[in-house]
Amino acid sequence: MVRVLRAGSRSVHPVSARWTSREPHTKEALRPLMARLRQQDPELEKQTRRAANGIALQLAESRRRVGKDRLHLGRVAEGSTDEVCAALRLAQAWGYLDADSLARPFALLDRLQAMCWRLTH
């Protein structure tokens, strides 16, 4: 059972609260990569950006949901996290991004995947 914290009169899911505090770090790690990816493959950059935005949006929406809705949105957020990872791996395979520049984003995305997993299990 996941404990829900009270913030004023609103219930705040602890994983969602952690996401909002980590979101700027993830964006900072992705921002320079997205700029380079936009130059090399604009379509892949757009899809990666949509998936990255989806993680934050799904987790934020799940904070206000209960039961199966919350689980579903957590699973969708986890899928979006996987999508961002796959897009970055593709960018590396195509030679757009190097392994050194991907180390920090992959570490942060791994943490987000763990948070999503804890939300849904």
PDB file of N, CA and C in Angstrom:
ATOM      1  N   MET A   1       0.841  -1.183   0.000  1.00  0.00           N
ATOM      2  CA  MET A   1       0.000   0.000   0.000  1.00  0.00           C
ATOM      3  C   MET A   1       0.885   1.245   0.000  1.00  0.00           C
ATOM      4  N   VAL A   2       0.548   2.189  -0.846  1.00  0.00           N
ATOM      5  CA  VAL A   2       1.308   3.427  -0.956  1.00  0.00           C
ATOM      6  C   VAL A   2       0.723   4.454  -0.003  1.00  0.00           C
ATOM      7  N   ARG A   3       1.580   5.056   0.773  1.00  0.00           N
ATOM      8  CA  ARG A   3       1.148   6.089   1.713  1.00  0.00           C
ATOM      9  C   ARG A   3       0.977   7.410   0.973  1.00  0.00           C
ATOM     10  N   VAL A   4      -0.106   8.090   1.214  1.00  0.00           N
ATOM     11  CA  VAL A   4      -0.363   9.390   0.595  1.00  0.00           C
ATOM     12  C   VAL A   4      -0.101  10.465   1.634  1.00  0.00           C
ATOM     13  N   LEU A   5       0.691  11.440   1.262  1.00  0.00           N
ATOM     14  CA  LEU A   5       1.031  12.548   2.153  1.00  0.00           C
ATOM     15  C   LEU A   5       0.000  13.655   1.991  1.00  0.00           C
ATOM     16  N   ARG A   6      -0.235  14.392   3.035  1.00  0.00           N
ATOM     17  CA  ARG A   6      -1.157  15.531   2.974  1.00  0.00           C
ATOM     18  C   ARG A   6      -0.363  16.820   2.794  1.00  0.00           C
ATOM     19  N   ALA A   7      -0.733  17.573   1.783  1.00  0.00           N
ATOM     20  CA  ALA A   7      -0.122  18.881   1.556  1.00  0.00           C
ATOM     21  C   ALA A   7      -1.257  19.894   1.569  1.00  0.00           C
ATOM     22  N   GLY A   8      -1.443  20.549   2.682  1.00  0.00           N
ATOM     23  CA  GLY A   8      -2.602  21.427   2.826  1.00  0.00           C
ATOM     24  C   GLY A   8      -3.841  20.559   2.847  1.00  0.00           C
ATOM     25  N   SER A   9      -4.795  20.830   1.964  1.00  0.00           N
ATOM     26  CA  SER A   9      -6.006  20.027   1.920  1.00  0.00           C
ATOM     27  C   SER A   9      -5.958  19.001   0.795  1.00  0.00           C
ATOM     28  N   ARG A  10      -4.861  18.945   0.066  1.00  0.00           N
ATOM     29  CA  ARG A  10      -4.763  18.050  -1.081  1.00  0.00           C
ATOM     30  C   ARG A  10      -3.906  16.840  -0.756  1.00  0.00           C
ATOM     31  N   SER A  11      -4.275  15.694  -1.324  1.00  0.00           N
ATOM     32  CA  SER A  11      -3.458  14.495  -1.191  1.00  0.00           C
ATOM     33  C   SER A  11      -2.364  14.533  -2.240  1.00  0.00           C
ATOM     34  N   VAL A  12      -1.155  14.201  -1.853  1.00  0.00           N
ATOM     35  CA  VAL A  12      -0.029  14.208  -2.776  1.00  0.00           C
ATOM     36  C   VAL A  12       0.609  12.836  -2.736  1.00  0.00           C
ATOM     37  N   HIS A  13       0.715  12.202  -3.874  1.00  0.00           N
ATOM     38  CA  HIS A  13       1.358  10.899  -3.940  1.00  0.00           C
ATOM     39  C   HIS A  13       2.866  11.102  -3.803  1.00  0.00           C
ATOM     40  N   PRO A  14       3.560  10.348  -2.952  1.00  0.00           N
ATOM     41  CA  PRO A  14       4.986  10.593  -2.708  1.00  0.00           C
ATOM     42  C   PRO A  14       5.845  10.455  -3.955  1.00  0.00           C
ATOM     43  N   VAL A  15       5.518   9.523  -4.849  1.00  0.00           N
ATOM     44  CA  VAL A  15       6.317   9.375  -6.072  1.00  0.00           C
ATOM     45  C   VAL A  15       6.111  10.576  -6.974  1.00  0.00           C
ATOM     46  N   SER A  16       4.875  11.043  -7.092  1.00  0.00           N
ATOM     47  CA  SER A  16       4.601  12.220  -7.919  1.00  0.00           C
ATOM     48  C   SER A  16       5.311  13.447  -7.359  1.00  0.00           C
ATOM     49  N   ALA A  17       5.347  13.563  -6.036  1.00  0.00           N
ATOM     50  CA  ALA A  17       6.040  14.688  -5.423  1.00  0.00           C
ATOM     51  C   ALA A  17       7.520  14.647  -5.763  1.00  0.00           C
ATOM     52  N   ARG A  18       8.094  13.448  -5.755  1.00  0.00           N
ATOM     53  CA  ARG A  18       9.510  13.329  -6.117  1.00  0.00           C
ATOM     54  C   ARG A  18       9.718  13.662  -7.580  1.00  0.00           C
ATOM     55  N   TRP A  19       8.779  13.271  -8.445  1.00  0.00           N
ATOM     56  CA  TRP A  19       8.935  13.587  -9.868  1.00  0.00           C
ATOM     57  C   TRP A  19       9.022  15.090 -10.059  1.00  0.00           C
ATOM     58  N   THR A  20       8.119  15.834  -9.432  1.00  0.00           N
ATOM     59  CA  THR A  20       8.117  17.272  -9.641  1.00  0.00           C
ATOM     60  C   THR A  20       9.412  17.909  -9.153  1.00  0.00           C
ATOM     61  N   SER A  21      10.034  17.335  -8.127  1.00  0.00           N
ATOM     62  CA  SER A  21      11.300  17.900  -7.669  1.00  0.00           C
ATOM     63  C   SER A  21      12.456  17.495  -8.576  1.00  0.00           C
ATOM     64  N   ARG A  22      12.321  16.400  -9.317  1.00  0.00           N
ATOM     65  CA  ARG A  22      13.384  15.918 -10.194  1.00  0.00           C
ATOM     66  C   ARG A  22      13.223  16.424 -11.632  1.00  0.00           C
ATOM     67  N   GLU A  23      12.026  16.869 -11.969  1.00  0.00           N
ATOM     68  CA  GLU A  23      11.741  17.264 -13.339  1.00  0.00           C
ATOM     69  C   GLU A  23      12.754  18.254 -13.902  1.00  0.00           C
ATOM     70  N   PRO A  24      13.120  19.335 -13.207  1.00  0.00           N
ATOM     71  CA  PRO A  24      14.093  20.268 -13.786  1.00  0.00           C
ATOM     72  C   PRO A  24      15.435  19.598 -14.092  1.00  0.00           C
ATOM     73  N   HIS A  25      15.865  18.656 -13.247  1.00  0.00           N
ATOM     74  CA  HIS A  25      17.131  17.983 -13.494  1.00  0.00           C
ATOM     75  C   HIS A  25      17.069  17.169 -14.783  1.00  0.00           C
ATOM     76  N   THR A  26      15.961  16.500 -15.005  1.00  0.00           N
ATOM     77  CA  THR A  26      15.802  15.701 -16.213  1.00  0.00           C
ATOM     78  C   THR A  26      15.776  16.608 -17.432  1.00  0.00           C
ATOM     79  N   LYS A  27      15.029  17.696 -17.341  1.00  0.00           N
ATOM     80  CA  LYS A  27      14.976  18.635 -18.460  1.00  0.00           C
ATOM     81  C   LYS A  27      16.352  19.217 -18.752  1.00  0.00           C
ATOM     82  N   GLU A  28      17.092  19.569 -17.708  1.00  0.00           N
ATOM     83  CA  GLU A  28      18.440  20.119 -17.904  1.00  0.00           C
ATOM     84  C   GLU A  28      19.345  19.101 -18.583  1.00  0.00           C
ATOM     85  N   ALA A  29      19.188  17.836 -18.224  1.00  0.00           N
ATOM     86  CA  ALA A  29      20.022  16.796 -18.824  1.00  0.00           C
ATOM     87  C   ALA A  29      19.638  16.550 -20.277  1.00  0.00           C
ATOM     88  N   LEU A  30      18.361  16.680 -20.605  1.00  0.00           N
ATOM     89  CA  LEU A  30      17.903  16.415 -21.971  1.00  0.00           C
ATOM     90  C   LEU A  30      18.044  17.600 -22.910  1.00  0.00           C
ATOM     91  N   ARG A  31      17.979  18.808 -22.381  1.00  0.00           N
ATOM     92  CA  ARG A  31      17.940  20.009 -23.231  1.00  0.00           C
ATOM     93  C   ARG A  31      19.072  20.076 -24.268  1.00  0.00           C
ATOM     94  N   PRO A  32      20.346  19.929 -23.892  1.00  0.00           N
ATOM     95  CA  PRO A  32      21.393  20.016 -24.919  1.00  0.00           C
ATOM     96  C   PRO A  32      21.332  18.860 -25.919  1.00  0.00           C
ATOM     97  N   LEU A  33      20.897  17.695 -25.463  1.00  0.00           N
ATOM     98  CA  LEU A  33      20.776  16.552 -26.368  1.00  0.00           C
ATOM     99  C   LEU A  33      19.675  16.790 -27.389  1.00  0.00           C
ATOM    100  N   MET A  34      18.579  17.381 -26.930  1.00  0.00           N
ATOM    101  CA  MET A  34      17.462  17.639 -27.828  1.00  0.00           C
ATOM    102  C   MET A  34      17.848  18.656 -28.896  1.00  0.00           C
ATOM    103  N   ALA A  35      18.647  19.632 -28.533  1.00  0.00           N
ATOM    104  CA  ALA A  35      19.091  20.627 -29.508  1.00  0.00           C
ATOM    105  C   ALA A  35      19.943  19.963 -30.598  1.00  0.00           C
ATOM    106  N   ARG A  36      20.839  19.067 -30.167  1.00  0.00           N
ATOM    107  CA  ARG A  36      21.675  18.357 -31.153  1.00  0.00           C
ATOM    108  C   ARG A  36      20.840  17.401 -31.986  1.00  0.00           C
ATOM    109  N   LEU A  37      19.898  16.746 -31.345  1.00  0.00           N
ATOM    110  CA  LEU A  37      19.036  15.810 -32.057  1.00  0.00           C
ATOM    111  C   LEU A  37      18.155  16.548 -33.069  1.00  0.00           C
ATOM    112  N   ARG A  38      17.681  17.733 -32.720  1.00  0.00           N
ATOM    113  CA  ARG A  38      16.853  18.531 -33.630  1.00  0.00           C
ATOM    114  C   ARG A  38      17.597  18.840 -34.922  1.00  0.00           C
ATOM    115  N   GLN A  39      18.907  19.090 -34.824  1.00  0.00           N
ATOM    116  CA  GLN A  39      19.709  19.377 -36.020  1.00  0.00           C
ATOM    117  C   GLN A  39      19.865  18.148 -36.898  1.00  0.00           C
ATOM    118  N   GLN A  40      20.007  16.978 -36.267  1.00  0.00           N
ATOM    119  CA  GLN A  40      20.281  15.743 -37.009  1.00  0.00           C
ATOM    120  C   GLN A  40      19.012  15.054 -37.514  1.00  0.00           C
ATOM    121  N   ASP A  41      17.977  15.008 -36.671  1.00  0.00           N
ATOM    122  CA  ASP A  41      16.757  14.271 -37.001  1.00  0.00           C
ATOM    123  C   ASP A  41      15.567  14.944 -36.314  1.00  0.00           C
ATOM    124  N   PRO A  42      14.980  15.953 -36.955  1.00  0.00           N
ATOM    125  CA  PRO A  42      13.897  16.714 -36.328  1.00  0.00           C
ATOM    126  C   PRO A  42      12.686  15.854 -35.930  1.00  0.00           C
ATOM    127  N   GLU A  43      12.363  14.847 -36.709  1.00  0.00           N
ATOM    128  CA  GLU A  43      11.215  13.997 -36.378  1.00  0.00           C
ATOM    129  C   GLU A  43      11.461  13.185 -35.112  1.00  0.00           C
ATOM    130  N   LEU A  44      12.664  12.632 -34.972  1.00  0.00           N
ATOM    131  CA  LEU A  44      12.995  11.878 -33.773  1.00  0.00           C
ATOM    132  C   LEU A  44      13.023  12.806 -32.554  1.00  0.00           C
ATOM    133  N   GLU A  45      13.494  14.017 -32.752  1.00  0.00           N
ATOM    134  CA  GLU A  45      13.511  14.990 -31.652  1.00  0.00           C
ATOM    135  C   GLU A  45      12.096  15.319 -31.199  1.00  0.00           C
ATOM    136  N   LYS A  46      11.171  15.519 -32.140  1.00  0.00           N
ATOM    137  CA  LYS A  46       9.784  15.832 -31.788  1.00  0.00           C
ATOM    138  C   LYS A  46       9.139  14.684 -31.017  1.00  0.00           C
ATOM    139  N   GLN A  47       9.355  13.461 -31.485  1.00  0.00           N
ATOM    140  CA  GLN A  47       8.766  12.311 -30.811  1.00  0.00           C
ATOM    141  C   GLN A  47       9.360  12.126 -29.411  1.00  0.00           C
ATOM    142  N   THR A  48      10.659  12.349 -29.292  1.00  0.00           N
ATOM    143  CA  THR A  48      11.323  12.239 -27.993  1.00  0.00           C
ATOM    144  C   THR A  48      10.804  13.304 -27.038  1.00  0.00           C
ATOM    145  N   ARG A  49      10.646  14.519 -27.528  1.00  0.00           N
ATOM    146  CA  ARG A  49      10.128  15.617 -26.708  1.00  0.00           C
ATOM    147  C   ARG A  49       8.700  15.327 -26.259  1.00  0.00           C
ATOM    148  N   ARG A  50       7.851  14.823 -27.165  1.00  0.00           N
ATOM    149  CA  ARG A  50       6.474  14.486 -26.792  1.00  0.00           C
ATOM    150  C   ARG A  50       6.452  13.405 -25.715  1.00  0.00           C
ATOM    151  N   ALA A  51       7.305  12.401 -25.865  1.00  0.00           N
ATOM    152  CA  ALA A  51       7.355  11.327 -24.861  1.00  0.00           C
ATOM    153  C   ALA A  51       7.849  11.859 -23.525  1.00  0.00           C
ATOM    154  N   ALA A  52       8.878  12.710 -23.545  1.00  0.00           N
ATOM    155  CA  ALA A  52       9.408  13.283 -22.301  1.00  0.00           C
ATOM    156  C   ALA A  52       8.356  14.154 -21.613  1.00  0.00           C
ATOM    157  N   ASN A  53       7.640  14.948 -22.399  1.00  0.00           N
ATOM    158  CA  ASN A  53       6.564  15.750 -21.831  1.00  0.00           C
ATOM    159  C   ASN A  53       5.465  14.855 -21.275  1.00  0.00           C
ATOM    160  N   GLY A  54       5.208  13.756 -21.946  1.00  0.00           N
ATOM    161  CA  GLY A  54       4.175  12.824 -21.511  1.00  0.00           C
ATOM    162  C   GLY A  54       4.452  12.242 -20.135  1.00  0.00           C
ATOM    163  N   ILE A  55       5.726  12.013 -19.822  1.00  0.00           N
ATOM    164  CA  ILE A  55       6.074  11.481 -18.502  1.00  0.00           C
ATOM    165  C   ILE A  55       5.571  12.425 -17.420  1.00  0.00           C
ATOM    166  N   ALA A  56       5.926  13.685 -17.541  1.00  0.00           N
ATOM    167  CA  ALA A  56       5.525  14.674 -16.534  1.00  0.00           C
ATOM    168  C   ALA A  56       4.017  14.848 -16.494  1.00  0.00           C
ATOM    169  N   LEU A  57       3.397  14.898 -17.667  1.00  0.00           N
ATOM    170  CA  LEU A  57       1.951  15.120 -17.709  1.00  0.00           C
ATOM    171  C   LEU A  57       1.180  13.945 -17.132  1.00  0.00           C
ATOM    172  N   GLN A  58       1.577  12.732 -17.455  1.00  0.00           N
ATOM    173  CA  GLN A  58       0.878  11.556 -16.932  1.00  0.00           C
ATOM    174  C   GLN A  58       1.035  11.436 -15.423  1.00  0.00           C
ATOM    175  N   LEU A  59       2.251  11.661 -14.926  1.00  0.00           N
ATOM    176  CA  LEU A  59       2.466  11.583 -13.475  1.00  0.00           C
ATOM    177  C   LEU A  59       1.703  12.683 -12.744  1.00  0.00           C
ATOM    178  N   ALA A  60       1.672  13.867 -13.331  1.00  0.00           N
ATOM    179  CA  ALA A  60       0.924  14.962 -12.697  1.00  0.00           C
ATOM    180  C   ALA A  60      -0.563  14.634 -12.654  1.00  0.00           C
ATOM    181  N   GLU A  61      -1.081  14.103 -13.750  1.00  0.00           N
ATOM    182  CA  GLU A  61      -2.503  13.761 -13.784  1.00  0.00           C
ATOM    183  C   GLU A  61      -2.815  12.620 -12.812  1.00  0.00           C
ATOM    184  N   SER A  62      -1.900  11.680 -12.669  1.00  0.00           N
ATOM    185  CA  SER A  62      -2.151  10.536 -11.791  1.00  0.00           C
ATOM    186  C   SER A  62      -2.277  10.963 -10.328  1.00  0.00           C
ATOM    187  N   ARG A  63      -1.701  12.089  -9.969  1.00  0.00           N
ATOM    188  CA  ARG A  63      -1.788  12.577  -8.585  1.00  0.00           C
ATOM    189  C   ARG A  63      -3.225  12.801  -8.159  1.00  0.00           C
ATOM    190  N   ARG A  64      -4.074  13.165  -9.069  1.00  0.00           N
ATOM    191  CA  ARG A  64      -5.471  13.486  -8.758  1.00  0.00           C
ATOM    192  C   ARG A  64      -6.405  12.290  -8.957  1.00  0.00           C
ATOM    193  N   ARG A  65      -5.878  11.179  -9.386  1.00  0.00           N
ATOM    194  CA  ARG A  65      -6.703  10.012  -9.676  1.00  0.00           C
ATOM    195  C   ARG A  65      -6.595   8.982  -8.575  1.00  0.00           C
ATOM    196  N   VAL A  66      -7.539   8.074  -8.568  1.00  0.00           N
ATOM    197  CA  VAL A  66      -7.531   6.987  -7.588  1.00  0.00           C
ATOM    198  C   VAL A  66      -7.743   5.660  -8.310  1.00  0.00           C
ATOM    199  N   GLY A  67      -7.388   4.587  -7.623  1.00  0.00           N
ATOM    200  CA  GLY A  67      -7.660   3.248  -8.133  1.00  0.00           C
ATOM    201  C   GLY A  67      -6.991   2.948  -9.455  1.00  0.00           C
ATOM    202  N   LYS A  68      -7.775   2.366 -10.362  1.00  0.00           N
ATOM    203  CA  LYS A  68      -7.231   1.913 -11.642  1.00  0.00           C
ATOM    204  C   LYS A  68      -6.771   3.063 -12.526  1.00  0.00           C
ATOM    205  N   ASP A  69      -7.398   4.225 -12.404  1.00  0.00           N
ATOM    206  CA  ASP A  69      -6.955   5.388 -13.175  1.00  0.00           C
ATOM    207  C   ASP A  69      -5.506   5.735 -12.842  1.00  0.00           C
ATOM    208  N   ARG A  70      -5.202   5.754 -11.546  1.00  0.00           N
ATOM    209  CA  ARG A  70      -3.838   6.085 -11.108  1.00  0.00           C
ATOM    210  C   ARG A  70      -2.847   5.054 -11.650  1.00  0.00           C
ATOM    211  N   LEU A  71      -3.208   3.783 -11.548  1.00  0.00           N
ATOM    212  CA  LEU A  71      -2.332   2.722 -12.056  1.00  0.00           C
ATOM    213  C   LEU A  71      -2.114   2.862 -13.556  1.00  0.00           C
ATOM    214  N   HIS A  72      -3.202   3.112 -14.281  1.00  0.00           N
ATOM    215  CA  HIS A  72      -3.094   3.241 -15.736  1.00  0.00           C
ATOM    216  C   HIS A  72      -2.155   4.379 -16.123  1.00  0.00           C
ATOM    217  N   LEU A  73      -2.339   5.535 -15.495  1.00  0.00           N
ATOM    218  CA  LEU A  73      -1.495   6.681 -15.833  1.00  0.00           C
ATOM    219  C   LEU A  73      -0.042   6.438 -15.452  1.00  0.00           C
ATOM    220  N   GLY A  74       0.197   5.723 -14.358  1.00  0.00           N
ATOM    221  CA  GLY A  74       1.562   5.355 -13.996  1.00  0.00           C
ATOM    222  C   GLY A  74       2.195   4.451 -15.032  1.00  0.00           C
ATOM    223  N   ARG A  75       1.402   3.518 -15.558  1.00  0.00           N
ATOM    224  CA  ARG A  75       1.910   2.623 -16.606  1.00  0.00           C
ATOM    225  C   ARG A  75       2.192   3.381 -17.901  1.00  0.00           C
ATOM    226  N   VAL A  76       1.330   4.317 -18.228  1.00  0.00           N
ATOM    227  CA  VAL A  76       1.553   5.134 -19.427  1.00  0.00           C
ATOM    228  C   VAL A  76       2.825   5.971 -19.266  1.00  0.00           C
ATOM    229  N   ALA A  77       3.024   6.539 -18.078  1.00  0.00           N
ATOM    230  CA  ALA A  77       4.237   7.318 -17.815  1.00  0.00           C
ATOM    231  C   ALA A  77       5.470   6.423 -17.937  1.00  0.00           C
ATOM    232  N   GLU A  78       5.381   5.191 -17.423  1.00  0.00           N
ATOM    233  CA  GLU A  78       6.504   4.262 -17.536  1.00  0.00           C
ATOM    234  C   GLU A  78       6.783   3.928 -18.999  1.00  0.00           C
ATOM    235  N   GLY A  79       5.724   3.763 -19.790  1.00  0.00           N
ATOM    236  CA  GLY A  79       5.898   3.525 -21.222  1.00  0.00           C
ATOM    237  C   GLY A  79       6.546   4.704 -21.926  1.00  0.00           C
ATOM    238  N   SER A  80       6.171   5.912 -21.543  1.00  0.00           N
ATOM    239  CA  SER A  80       6.789   7.106 -22.126  1.00  0.00           C
ATOM    240  C   SER A  80       8.260   7.199 -21.744  1.00  0.00           C
ATOM    241  N   THR A  81       8.586   6.781 -20.523  1.00  0.00           N
ATOM    242  CA  THR A  81       9.989   6.763 -20.102  1.00  0.00           C
ATOM    243  C   THR A  81      10.776   5.779 -20.956  1.00  0.00           C
ATOM    244  N   ASP A  82      10.190   4.612 -21.199  1.00  0.00           N
ATOM    245  CA  ASP A  82      10.838   3.633 -22.078  1.00  0.00           C
ATOM    246  C   ASP A  82      11.009   4.190 -23.491  1.00  0.00           C
ATOM    247  N   GLU A  83      10.001   4.937 -23.951  1.00  0.00           N
ATOM    248  CA  GLU A  83      10.073   5.524 -25.285  1.00  0.00           C
ATOM    249  C   GLU A  83      11.217   6.529 -25.398  1.00  0.00           C
ATOM    250  N   VAL A  84      11.397   7.361 -24.383  1.00  0.00           N
ATOM    251  CA  VAL A  84      12.508   8.325 -24.397  1.00  0.00           C
ATOM    252  C   VAL A  84      13.841   7.576 -24.423  1.00  0.00           C
ATOM    253  N   CYS A  85      13.956   6.531 -23.603  1.00  0.00           N
ATOM    254  CA  CYS A  85      15.198   5.734 -23.593  1.00  0.00           C
ATOM    255  C   CYS A  85      15.470   5.125 -24.967  1.00  0.00           C
ATOM    256  N   ALA A  86      14.431   4.563 -25.578  1.00  0.00           N
ATOM    257  CA  ALA A  86      14.597   3.948 -26.900  1.00  0.00           C
ATOM    258  C   ALA A  86      14.999   4.994 -27.945  1.00  0.00           C
ATOM    259  N   ALA A  87      14.398   6.172 -27.879  1.00  0.00           N
ATOM    260  CA  ALA A  87      14.740   7.240 -28.827  1.00  0.00           C
ATOM    261  C   ALA A  87      16.192   7.668 -28.661  1.00  0.00           C
ATOM    262  N   LEU A  88      16.643   7.776 -27.419  1.00  0.00           N
ATOM    263  CA  LEU A  88      18.036   8.161 -27.189  1.00  0.00           C
ATOM    264  C   LEU A  88      18.994   7.061 -27.650  1.00  0.00           C
ATOM    265  N   ARG A  89      18.604   5.807 -27.476  1.00  0.00           N
ATOM    266  CA  ARG A  89      19.440   4.702 -27.978  1.00  0.00           C
ATOM    267  C   ARG A  89      19.507   4.715 -29.508  1.00  0.00           C
ATOM    268  N   LEU A  90      18.372   5.019 -30.134  1.00  0.00           N
ATOM    269  CA  LEU A  90      18.370   5.150 -31.599  1.00  0.00           C
ATOM    270  C   LEU A  90      19.279   6.288 -32.041  1.00  0.00           C
ATOM    271  N   ALA A  91      19.194   7.413 -31.351  1.00  0.00           N
ATOM    272  CA  ALA A  91      20.046   8.554 -31.691  1.00  0.00           C
ATOM    273  C   ALA A  91      21.518   8.182 -31.552  1.00  0.00           C
ATOM    274  N   GLN A  92      21.830   7.398 -30.537  1.00  0.00           N
ATOM    275  CA  GLN A  92      23.210   6.940 -30.371  1.00  0.00           C
ATOM    276  C   GLN A  92      23.598   5.979 -31.503  1.00  0.00           C
ATOM    277  N   ALA A  93      22.698   5.070 -31.842  1.00  0.00           N
ATOM    278  CA  ALA A  93      22.983   4.110 -32.911  1.00  0.00           C
ATOM    279  C   ALA A  93      23.199   4.800 -34.257  1.00  0.00           C
ATOM    280  N   TRP A  94      22.460   5.875 -34.508  1.00  0.00           N
ATOM    281  CA  TRP A  94      22.621   6.625 -35.744  1.00  0.00           C
ATOM    282  C   TRP A  94      23.828   7.555 -35.708  1.00  0.00           C
ATOM    283  N   GLY A  95      24.461   7.666 -34.550  1.00  0.00           N
ATOM    284  CA  GLY A  95      25.644   8.510 -34.440  1.00  0.00           C
ATOM    285  C   GLY A  95      25.347   9.966 -34.148  1.00  0.00           C
ATOM    286  N   TYR A  96      24.097  10.272 -33.774  1.00  0.00           N
ATOM    287  CA  TYR A  96      23.735  11.650 -33.467  1.00  0.00           C
ATOM    288  C   TYR A  96      24.227  12.068 -32.083  1.00  0.00           C
ATOM    289  N   LEU A  97      24.249  11.115 -31.147  1.00  0.00           N
ATOM    290  CA  LEU A  97      24.650  11.388 -29.772  1.00  0.00           C
ATOM    291  C   LEU A  97      25.672  10.349 -29.335  1.00  0.00           C
ATOM    292  N   ASP A  98      26.603  10.747 -28.465  1.00  0.00           N
ATOM    293  CA  ASP A  98      27.616   9.801 -28.003  1.00  0.00           C
ATOM    294  C   ASP A  98      27.270   9.270 -26.610  1.00  0.00           C
ATOM    295  N   ALA A  99      27.892   8.168 -26.254  1.00  0.00           N
ATOM    296  CA  ALA A  99      27.597   7.482 -24.984  1.00  0.00           C
ATOM    297  C   ALA A  99      27.871   8.370 -23.773  1.00  0.00           C
ATOM    298  N   ASP A 100      28.913   9.169 -23.828  1.00  0.00           N
ATOM    299  CA  ASP A 100      29.246  10.036 -22.685  1.00  0.00           C
ATOM    300  C   ASP A 100      28.146  11.048 -22.409  1.00  0.00           C
ATOM    301  N   SER A 101      27.560  11.609 -23.455  1.00  0.00           N
ATOM    302  CA  SER A 101      26.508  12.611 -23.263  1.00  0.00           C
ATOM    303  C   SER A 101      25.195  11.982 -22.803  1.00  0.00           C
ATOM    304  N   LEU A 102      25.064  10.664 -22.955  1.00  0.00           N
ATOM    305  CA  LEU A 102      23.828   9.982 -22.574  1.00  0.00           C
ATOM    306  C   LEU A 102      23.862   9.385 -21.170  1.00  0.00           C
ATOM    307  N   ALA A 103      25.017   9.357 -20.533  1.00  0.00           N
ATOM    308  CA  ALA A 103      25.136   8.703 -19.224  1.00  0.00           C
ATOM    309  C   ALA A 103      24.199   9.323 -18.186  1.00  0.00           C
ATOM    310  N   ARG A 104      24.226  10.628 -18.031  1.00  0.00           N
ATOM    311  CA  ARG A 104      23.377  11.284 -17.024  1.00  0.00           C
ATOM    312  C   ARG A 104      21.890  11.161 -17.365  1.00  0.00           C
ATOM    313  N   PRO A 105      21.468  11.435 -18.610  1.00  0.00           N
ATOM    314  CA  PRO A 105      20.044  11.259 -18.919  1.00  0.00           C
ATOM    315  C   PRO A 105      19.552   9.827 -18.679  1.00  0.00           C
ATOM    316  N   PHE A 106      20.369   8.832 -19.036  1.00  0.00           N
ATOM    317  CA  PHE A 106      19.945   7.453 -18.803  1.00  0.00           C
ATOM    318  C   PHE A 106      19.838   7.155 -17.311  1.00  0.00           C
ATOM    319  N   ALA A 107      20.724   7.700 -16.503  1.00  0.00           N
ATOM    320  CA  ALA A 107      20.646   7.488 -15.054  1.00  0.00           C
ATOM    321  C   ALA A 107      19.366   8.109 -14.494  1.00  0.00           C
ATOM    322  N   LEU A 108      19.030   9.319 -14.938  1.00  0.00           N
ATOM    323  CA  LEU A 108      17.815   9.974 -14.466  1.00  0.00           C
ATOM    324  C   LEU A 108      16.560   9.253 -14.960  1.00  0.00           C
ATOM    325  N   LEU A 109      16.591   8.799 -16.206  1.00  0.00           N
ATOM    326  CA  LEU A 109      15.444   8.066 -16.742  1.00  0.00           C
ATOM    327  C   LEU A 109      15.266   6.729 -16.026  1.00  0.00           C
ATOM    328  N   ASP A 110      16.373   6.107 -15.645  1.00  0.00           N
ATOM    329  CA  ASP A 110      16.294   4.868 -14.880  1.00  0.00           C
ATOM    330  C   ASP A 110      15.604   5.114 -13.541  1.00  0.00           C
ATOM    331  N   ARG A 111      15.912   6.217 -12.900  1.00  0.00           N
ATOM    332  CA  ARG A 111      15.257   6.566 -11.635  1.00  0.00           C
ATOM    333  C   ARG A 111      13.772   6.820 -11.843  1.00  0.00           C
ATOM    334  N   LEU A 112      13.423   7.485 -12.944  1.00  0.00           N
ATOM    335  CA  LEU A 112      12.011   7.721 -13.241  1.00  0.00           C
ATOM    336  C   LEU A 112      11.279   6.405 -13.491  1.00  0.00           C
ATOM    337  N   GLN A 113      11.936   5.472 -14.201  1.00  0.00           N
ATOM    338  CA  GLN A 113      11.317   4.171 -14.421  1.00  0.00           C
ATOM    339  C   GLN A 113      11.065   3.469 -13.097  1.00  0.00           C
ATOM    340  N   ALA A 114      12.004   3.564 -12.173  1.00  0.00           N
ATOM    341  CA  ALA A 114      11.831   2.949 -10.862  1.00  0.00           C
ATOM    342  C   ALA A 114      10.663   3.600 -10.115  1.00  0.00           C
ATOM    343  N   MET A 115      10.536   4.918 -10.207  1.00  0.00           N
ATOM    344  CA  MET A 115       9.428   5.603  -9.560  1.00  0.00           C
ATOM    345  C   MET A 115       8.097   5.149 -10.142  1.00  0.00           C
ATOM    346  N   CYS A 116       8.038   5.048 -11.463  1.00  0.00           N
ATOM    347  CA  CYS A 116       6.813   4.597 -12.122  1.00  0.00           C
ATOM    348  C   CYS A 116       6.483   3.163 -11.714  1.00  0.00           C
ATOM    349  N   TRP A 117       7.487   2.340 -11.624  1.00  0.00           N
ATOM    350  CA  TRP A 117       7.269   0.949 -11.222  1.00  0.00           C
ATOM    351  C   TRP A 117       6.684   0.893  -9.813  1.00  0.00           C
ATOM    352  N   ARG A 118       7.239   1.710  -8.915  1.00  0.00           N
ATOM    353  CA  ARG A 118       6.715   1.733  -7.540  1.00  0.00           C
ATOM    354  C   ARG A 118       5.290   2.252  -7.499  1.00  0.00           C
ATOM    355  N   LEU A 119       4.941   3.131  -8.412  1.00  0.00           N
ATOM    356  CA  LEU A 119       3.570   3.632  -8.480  1.00  0.00           C
ATOM    357  C   LEU A 119       2.583   2.540  -8.883  1.00  0.00           C
ATOM    358  N   THR A 120       3.016   1.622  -9.703  1.00  0.00           N
ATOM    359  CA  THR A 120       2.098   0.640 -10.290  1.00  0.00           C
ATOM    360  C   THR A 120       2.185  -0.738  -9.656  1.00  0.00           C
ATOM    361  N   HIS A 121       3.093  -0.948  -8.714  1.00  0.00           N
ATOM    362  CA  HIS A 121       3.224  -2.275  -8.092  1.00  0.00           C
ATOM    363  C   HIS A 121       3.119  -2.192  -6.589  1.00  0.00           C
TER     364      HIS A 121
END
